[in-house]
Amino acid sequence: MNIEVMIVEDDTRIAEINSRFTKKVAGFEVIAIATTGEQAIELLEIIQPQLVLLDVYLPDMKGTELIKSIRQSNPEIDIIMITAASEVDIVGQSLRSGVSDYIVKPVTFDRFKNSLENYQKKLEKLNFNENLTQ
């Protein structure tokens, strides 16, 4: 079963690159792309991806604001931030909000693949192990 992914990125070229990168990693499928926070919120009322790849700077809101909205309406959705924002406060705020990983642009395929594969391993451990061990 594939992990369903929604990409939230205002730059359509980067959204397409992220989509192509995602498709190259076994076990992942892009089911939607949103270019604004509002569009992402509307899509999340219809679809339930397991993972959102989220940019910090969107034209209508910050990704950190969108995280709050996602947490309120869909707390089971996981988030990986992909952004040019490297400010420590944004990274910290995102991680405290429960973001799984934080990738700084420009994204290399190796870093992207590593992030998705690590996420996949965490999911497998949670789904298949009734008792967690060290």
N, C-alpha and C. Protein backbone atom coordinates (compact mmCIF):
# COMPACT_ATOMS: atom_id res chain seq x y z
N MET A 1 0.84 -1.20 0.00
CA MET A 1 0.00 0.00 0.00
C MET A 1 0.88 1.25 0.00
N ASN A 2 0.57 2.18 -0.87
CA ASN A 2 1.34 3.41 -0.97
C ASN A 2 0.94 4.42 0.09
N ILE A 3 1.92 5.23 0.48
CA ILE A 3 1.68 6.37 1.37
C ILE A 3 1.22 7.52 0.49
N GLU A 4 0.02 8.04 0.76
CA GLU A 4 -0.54 9.11 -0.05
C GLU A 4 -0.01 10.45 0.43
N VAL A 5 0.46 11.27 -0.55
CA VAL A 5 1.15 12.52 -0.26
C VAL A 5 0.44 13.69 -0.92
N MET A 6 0.33 14.79 -0.18
CA MET A 6 -0.12 16.05 -0.76
C MET A 6 1.02 17.05 -0.66
N ILE A 7 1.29 17.74 -1.75
CA ILE A 7 2.35 18.75 -1.79
C ILE A 7 1.70 20.13 -1.69
N VAL A 8 2.22 20.96 -0.79
CA VAL A 8 1.75 22.34 -0.66
C VAL A 8 2.95 23.24 -0.93
N GLU A 9 2.96 23.84 -2.12
CA GLU A 9 4.11 24.63 -2.60
C GLU A 9 3.61 25.65 -3.61
N ASP A 10 3.91 26.95 -3.37
CA ASP A 10 3.40 27.98 -4.26
C ASP A 10 4.14 28.07 -5.59
N ASP A 11 5.37 27.64 -5.66
CA ASP A 11 6.14 27.66 -6.91
C ASP A 11 5.84 26.37 -7.67
N THR A 12 5.13 26.48 -8.79
CA THR A 12 4.69 25.30 -9.52
C THR A 12 5.86 24.46 -10.03
N ARG A 13 6.98 25.09 -10.36
CA ARG A 13 8.15 24.32 -10.81
C ARG A 13 8.69 23.45 -9.67
N ILE A 14 8.78 24.02 -8.49
CA ILE A 14 9.28 23.26 -7.33
C ILE A 14 8.27 22.19 -6.95
N ALA A 15 6.98 22.51 -7.04
CA ALA A 15 5.95 21.50 -6.74
C ALA A 15 6.10 20.31 -7.68
N GLU A 16 6.37 20.58 -8.95
CA GLU A 16 6.56 19.50 -9.93
C GLU A 16 7.82 18.68 -9.63
N ILE A 17 8.89 19.36 -9.25
CA ILE A 17 10.12 18.65 -8.87
C ILE A 17 9.85 17.76 -7.66
N ASN A 18 9.17 18.31 -6.64
CA ASN A 18 8.85 17.52 -5.44
C ASN A 18 7.96 16.33 -5.79
N SER A 19 7.05 16.53 -6.72
CA SER A 19 6.18 15.45 -7.16
C SER A 19 6.99 14.36 -7.85
N ARG A 20 7.89 14.75 -8.74
CA ARG A 20 8.73 13.77 -9.43
C ARG A 20 9.63 13.03 -8.45
N PHE A 21 10.22 13.77 -7.51
CA PHE A 21 11.06 13.13 -6.48
C PHE A 21 10.24 12.10 -5.70
N THR A 22 9.03 12.48 -5.30
CA THR A 22 8.17 11.59 -4.51
C THR A 22 7.87 10.31 -5.29
N LYS A 23 7.57 10.45 -6.57
CA LYS A 23 7.24 9.29 -7.40
C LYS A 23 8.43 8.35 -7.58
N LYS A 24 9.66 8.88 -7.42
CA LYS A 24 10.85 8.04 -7.56
C LYS A 24 11.14 7.20 -6.31
N VAL A 25 10.46 7.52 -5.21
CA VAL A 25 10.67 6.78 -3.96
C VAL A 25 9.58 5.73 -3.84
N ALA A 26 9.99 4.47 -3.76
CA ALA A 26 9.02 3.37 -3.70
C ALA A 26 8.11 3.51 -2.48
N GLY A 27 6.81 3.29 -2.72
CA GLY A 27 5.85 3.29 -1.63
C GLY A 27 5.14 4.61 -1.40
N PHE A 28 5.38 5.60 -2.27
CA PHE A 28 4.74 6.91 -2.11
C PHE A 28 3.99 7.28 -3.38
N GLU A 29 2.86 7.99 -3.19
CA GLU A 29 2.04 8.41 -4.32
C GLU A 29 1.51 9.83 -4.06
N VAL A 30 1.73 10.73 -5.00
CA VAL A 30 1.21 12.10 -4.88
C VAL A 30 -0.26 12.08 -5.30
N ILE A 31 -1.13 12.52 -4.38
CA ILE A 31 -2.56 12.53 -4.71
C ILE A 31 -3.11 13.94 -4.90
N ALA A 32 -2.32 14.98 -4.53
CA ALA A 32 -2.79 16.35 -4.72
C ALA A 32 -1.63 17.33 -4.58
N ILE A 33 -1.78 18.47 -5.27
CA ILE A 33 -0.84 19.58 -5.14
C ILE A 33 -1.65 20.85 -4.91
N ALA A 34 -1.31 21.58 -3.86
CA ALA A 34 -1.95 22.86 -3.56
C ALA A 34 -0.91 23.96 -3.66
N THR A 35 -1.30 25.12 -4.19
CA THR A 35 -0.35 26.23 -4.34
C THR A 35 -0.59 27.36 -3.35
N THR A 36 -1.65 27.24 -2.54
CA THR A 36 -1.92 28.23 -1.48
C THR A 36 -2.37 27.49 -0.23
N GLY A 37 -2.32 28.17 0.89
CA GLY A 37 -2.81 27.59 2.13
C GLY A 37 -4.30 27.31 2.07
N GLU A 38 -5.05 28.26 1.51
CA GLU A 38 -6.50 28.11 1.41
C GLU A 38 -6.86 26.91 0.54
N GLN A 39 -6.14 26.75 -0.58
CA GLN A 39 -6.39 25.60 -1.45
C GLN A 39 -6.07 24.30 -0.71
N ALA A 40 -5.01 24.30 0.08
CA ALA A 40 -4.65 23.11 0.87
C ALA A 40 -5.75 22.76 1.86
N ILE A 41 -6.28 23.77 2.55
CA ILE A 41 -7.36 23.54 3.52
C ILE A 41 -8.59 22.96 2.83
N GLU A 42 -8.93 23.51 1.65
CA GLU A 42 -10.08 23.01 0.90
C GLU A 42 -9.87 21.56 0.47
N LEU A 43 -8.67 21.26 -0.03
CA LEU A 43 -8.37 19.88 -0.46
C LEU A 43 -8.43 18.91 0.72
N LEU A 44 -7.96 19.36 1.89
CA LEU A 44 -7.94 18.48 3.06
C LEU A 44 -9.34 18.18 3.59
N GLU A 45 -10.33 18.95 3.15
CA GLU A 45 -11.72 18.63 3.50
C GLU A 45 -12.23 17.46 2.67
N ILE A 46 -11.56 17.22 1.52
CA ILE A 46 -12.00 16.19 0.58
C ILE A 46 -11.12 14.94 0.65
N ILE A 47 -9.81 15.15 0.74
CA ILE A 47 -8.87 14.02 0.72
C ILE A 47 -8.18 13.88 2.07
N GLN A 48 -7.65 12.72 2.32
CA GLN A 48 -6.96 12.45 3.58
C GLN A 48 -5.58 11.84 3.30
N PRO A 49 -4.62 12.66 2.88
CA PRO A 49 -3.28 12.10 2.67
C PRO A 49 -2.68 11.69 4.01
N GLN A 50 -1.72 10.79 3.97
CA GLN A 50 -1.02 10.43 5.20
C GLN A 50 0.08 11.44 5.49
N LEU A 51 0.59 12.07 4.42
CA LEU A 51 1.74 12.95 4.55
C LEU A 51 1.54 14.21 3.71
N VAL A 52 1.89 15.36 4.30
CA VAL A 52 1.88 16.63 3.58
C VAL A 52 3.31 17.14 3.52
N LEU A 53 3.77 17.46 2.30
CA LEU A 53 5.06 18.12 2.10
C LEU A 53 4.74 19.60 1.99
N LEU A 54 5.20 20.38 2.96
CA LEU A 54 4.71 21.75 3.15
C LEU A 54 5.81 22.80 3.08
N ASP A 55 5.57 23.82 2.26
CA ASP A 55 6.46 24.98 2.17
C ASP A 55 6.08 25.97 3.29
N VAL A 56 7.06 26.72 3.80
CA VAL A 56 6.78 27.70 4.85
C VAL A 56 6.12 28.95 4.28
N TYR A 57 6.65 29.45 3.15
CA TYR A 57 6.16 30.72 2.62
C TYR A 57 5.16 30.50 1.50
N LEU A 58 3.88 30.69 1.83
CA LEU A 58 2.80 30.59 0.86
C LEU A 58 2.25 31.99 0.63
N PRO A 59 1.59 32.23 -0.50
CA PRO A 59 1.13 33.60 -0.79
C PRO A 59 0.09 34.14 0.18
N ASP A 60 -0.70 33.26 0.80
CA ASP A 60 -1.79 33.72 1.65
C ASP A 60 -1.60 33.45 3.14
N MET A 61 -0.59 32.66 3.50
CA MET A 61 -0.32 32.38 4.91
C MET A 61 1.03 31.70 5.03
N LYS A 62 1.53 31.64 6.25
CA LYS A 62 2.75 30.88 6.48
C LYS A 62 2.40 29.42 6.68
N GLY A 63 3.31 28.55 6.27
CA GLY A 63 3.10 27.13 6.47
C GLY A 63 2.90 26.77 7.93
N THR A 64 3.55 27.54 8.81
CA THR A 64 3.40 27.29 10.24
C THR A 64 1.94 27.51 10.69
N GLU A 65 1.25 28.45 10.04
CA GLU A 65 -0.18 28.66 10.34
C GLU A 65 -0.99 27.48 9.81
N LEU A 66 -0.60 26.98 8.65
CA LEU A 66 -1.31 25.85 8.06
C LEU A 66 -1.14 24.59 8.92
N ILE A 67 0.02 24.45 9.54
CA ILE A 67 0.25 23.31 10.44
C ILE A 67 -0.82 23.31 11.53
N LYS A 68 -1.08 24.49 12.12
CA LYS A 68 -2.08 24.59 13.18
C LYS A 68 -3.45 24.14 12.68
N SER A 69 -3.81 24.56 11.48
CA SER A 69 -5.09 24.20 10.89
C SER A 69 -5.16 22.69 10.64
N ILE A 70 -4.08 22.12 10.12
CA ILE A 70 -4.04 20.68 9.87
C ILE A 70 -4.16 19.92 11.19
N ARG A 71 -3.45 20.36 12.21
CA ARG A 71 -3.48 19.69 13.52
C ARG A 71 -4.88 19.71 14.11
N GLN A 72 -5.62 20.80 13.92
CA GLN A 72 -6.97 20.91 14.47
C GLN A 72 -7.95 20.00 13.75
N SER A 73 -7.87 19.97 12.42
CA SER A 73 -8.88 19.21 11.66
C SER A 73 -8.44 17.80 11.30
N ASN A 74 -7.14 17.57 11.16
CA ASN A 74 -6.62 16.25 10.74
C ASN A 74 -5.36 15.91 11.53
N PRO A 75 -5.47 15.66 12.84
CA PRO A 75 -4.26 15.46 13.65
C PRO A 75 -3.44 14.23 13.26
N GLU A 76 -4.04 13.30 12.51
CA GLU A 76 -3.32 12.09 12.13
C GLU A 76 -2.43 12.27 10.89
N ILE A 77 -2.55 13.40 10.21
CA ILE A 77 -1.72 13.67 9.02
C ILE A 77 -0.33 14.09 9.47
N ASP A 78 0.68 13.48 8.87
CA ASP A 78 2.06 13.84 9.16
C ASP A 78 2.54 14.90 8.17
N ILE A 79 3.55 15.67 8.60
CA ILE A 79 4.03 16.81 7.81
C ILE A 79 5.55 16.80 7.74
N ILE A 80 6.06 17.02 6.54
CA ILE A 80 7.49 17.29 6.35
C ILE A 80 7.59 18.67 5.71
N MET A 81 8.34 19.56 6.34
CA MET A 81 8.53 20.91 5.81
C MET A 81 9.63 20.86 4.74
N ILE A 82 9.37 21.54 3.62
CA ILE A 82 10.38 21.70 2.57
C ILE A 82 10.37 23.17 2.22
N THR A 83 11.46 23.88 2.58
CA THR A 83 11.41 25.33 2.44
C THR A 83 12.78 25.97 2.35
N ALA A 84 12.80 27.18 1.88
CA ALA A 84 14.03 27.97 1.86
C ALA A 84 14.26 28.61 3.23
N ALA A 85 13.27 28.57 4.08
CA ALA A 85 13.38 29.19 5.40
C ALA A 85 14.32 28.36 6.26
N SER A 86 15.41 28.99 6.68
CA SER A 86 16.34 28.27 7.56
C SER A 86 16.44 28.96 8.92
N GLU A 87 15.54 29.91 9.17
CA GLU A 87 15.55 30.62 10.44
C GLU A 87 15.29 29.64 11.58
N VAL A 88 16.10 29.73 12.61
CA VAL A 88 16.03 28.81 13.73
C VAL A 88 14.66 28.83 14.39
N ASP A 89 14.03 29.99 14.52
CA ASP A 89 12.74 30.05 15.20
C ASP A 89 11.65 29.31 14.42
N ILE A 90 11.69 29.41 13.08
CA ILE A 90 10.69 28.71 12.26
C ILE A 90 10.92 27.20 12.34
N VAL A 91 12.18 26.79 12.28
CA VAL A 91 12.51 25.36 12.40
C VAL A 91 12.02 24.84 13.74
N GLY A 92 12.33 25.54 14.81
CA GLY A 92 11.92 25.13 16.14
C GLY A 92 10.41 25.07 16.29
N GLN A 93 9.74 26.11 15.81
CA GLN A 93 8.27 26.16 15.88
C GLN A 93 7.67 24.99 15.11
N SER A 94 8.21 24.69 13.94
CA SER A 94 7.69 23.59 13.12
C SER A 94 7.88 22.25 13.82
N LEU A 95 9.07 22.04 14.36
CA LEU A 95 9.35 20.78 15.04
C LEU A 95 8.48 20.62 16.30
N ARG A 96 8.27 21.69 17.03
CA ARG A 96 7.41 21.63 18.23
C ARG A 96 5.95 21.36 17.85
N SER A 97 5.59 21.72 16.62
CA SER A 97 4.22 21.48 16.13
C SER A 97 4.04 20.05 15.64
N GLY A 98 5.09 19.25 15.72
CA GLY A 98 4.97 17.85 15.35
C GLY A 98 5.38 17.52 13.93
N VAL A 99 6.13 18.40 13.29
CA VAL A 99 6.62 18.13 11.94
C VAL A 99 7.63 16.98 12.00
N SER A 100 7.51 16.03 11.08
CA SER A 100 8.37 14.84 11.07
C SER A 100 9.81 15.16 10.68
N ASP A 101 9.99 16.08 9.75
CA ASP A 101 11.33 16.42 9.26
C ASP A 101 11.28 17.82 8.68
N TYR A 102 12.46 18.37 8.43
CA TYR A 102 12.59 19.73 7.93
C TYR A 102 13.71 19.75 6.89
N ILE A 103 13.37 19.97 5.63
CA ILE A 103 14.35 19.97 4.55
C ILE A 103 14.49 21.39 4.02
N VAL A 104 15.74 21.87 3.94
CA VAL A 104 15.99 23.22 3.47
C VAL A 104 16.33 23.18 1.98
N LYS A 105 15.67 24.07 1.21
CA LYS A 105 15.93 24.19 -0.23
C LYS A 105 17.30 24.82 -0.44
N PRO A 106 17.98 24.57 -1.54
CA PRO A 106 17.56 23.68 -2.62
C PRO A 106 17.67 22.22 -2.18
N VAL A 107 16.65 21.46 -2.52
CA VAL A 107 16.56 20.06 -2.09
C VAL A 107 17.30 19.16 -3.08
N THR A 108 18.14 18.30 -2.53
CA THR A 108 18.75 17.28 -3.39
C THR A 108 17.88 16.04 -3.32
N PHE A 109 17.91 15.23 -4.36
CA PHE A 109 17.09 14.02 -4.37
C PHE A 109 17.50 13.10 -3.23
N ASP A 110 18.79 12.99 -2.96
CA ASP A 110 19.26 12.10 -1.88
C ASP A 110 18.68 12.50 -0.54
N ARG A 111 18.68 13.80 -0.24
CA ARG A 111 18.13 14.28 1.04
C ARG A 111 16.62 14.05 1.09
N PHE A 112 15.96 14.31 -0.01
CA PHE A 112 14.51 14.12 -0.12
C PHE A 112 14.17 12.64 0.10
N LYS A 113 14.86 11.76 -0.63
CA LYS A 113 14.63 10.32 -0.53
C LYS A 113 14.88 9.83 0.90
N ASN A 114 15.96 10.33 1.50
CA ASN A 114 16.29 9.94 2.87
C ASN A 114 15.17 10.32 3.84
N SER A 115 14.62 11.51 3.67
CA SER A 115 13.54 11.97 4.53
C SER A 115 12.30 11.08 4.39
N LEU A 116 11.91 10.78 3.15
CA LEU A 116 10.73 9.95 2.93
C LEU A 116 10.95 8.52 3.44
N GLU A 117 12.14 7.98 3.20
CA GLU A 117 12.42 6.62 3.65
C GLU A 117 12.46 6.53 5.19
N ASN A 118 13.01 7.54 5.84
CA ASN A 118 13.00 7.57 7.31
C ASN A 118 11.56 7.65 7.84
N TYR A 119 10.75 8.45 7.20
CA TYR A 119 9.33 8.56 7.57
C TYR A 119 8.65 7.20 7.40
N GLN A 120 8.92 6.54 6.28
CA GLN A 120 8.33 5.24 5.99
C GLN A 120 8.74 4.20 7.05
N LYS A 121 10.01 4.23 7.47
CA LYS A 121 10.49 3.30 8.50
C LYS A 121 9.78 3.54 9.82
N LYS A 122 9.59 4.82 10.18
CA LYS A 122 8.87 5.13 11.43
C LYS A 122 7.44 4.60 11.38
N LEU A 123 6.78 4.80 10.23
CA LEU A 123 5.41 4.31 10.08
C LEU A 123 5.35 2.80 10.21
N GLU A 124 6.29 2.11 9.57
CA GLU A 124 6.31 0.64 9.63
C GLU A 124 6.50 0.16 11.06
N LYS A 125 7.38 0.82 11.81
CA LYS A 125 7.59 0.43 13.21
C LYS A 125 6.31 0.63 14.01
N LEU A 126 5.62 1.74 13.78
CA LEU A 126 4.40 2.01 14.53
C LEU A 126 3.26 1.08 14.13
N ASN A 127 3.21 0.71 12.86
CA ASN A 127 2.11 -0.12 12.37
C ASN A 127 2.29 -1.61 12.64
N PHE A 128 3.54 -2.06 12.67
CA PHE A 128 3.77 -3.50 12.76
C PHE A 128 4.28 -3.98 14.11
N ASN A 129 4.70 -3.09 14.96
CA ASN A 129 5.21 -3.51 16.28
C ASN A 129 4.21 -3.16 17.35
N GLU A 130 3.67 -4.17 17.97
CA GLU A 130 2.76 -3.91 19.07
C GLU A 130 3.52 -3.42 20.29
N ASN A 131 4.72 -3.96 20.46
CA ASN A 131 5.58 -3.54 21.57
C ASN A 131 6.85 -2.94 21.01
N LEU A 132 7.08 -1.68 21.29
CA LEU A 132 8.28 -1.02 20.82
C LEU A 132 9.46 -1.41 21.71
N THR A 133 10.63 -1.53 21.08
CA THR A 133 11.85 -1.80 21.83
C THR A 133 12.87 -0.74 21.48
N GLN A 134 13.96 -0.71 22.26
CA GLN A 134 15.03 0.25 21.98
C GLN A 134 15.65 -0.07 20.64
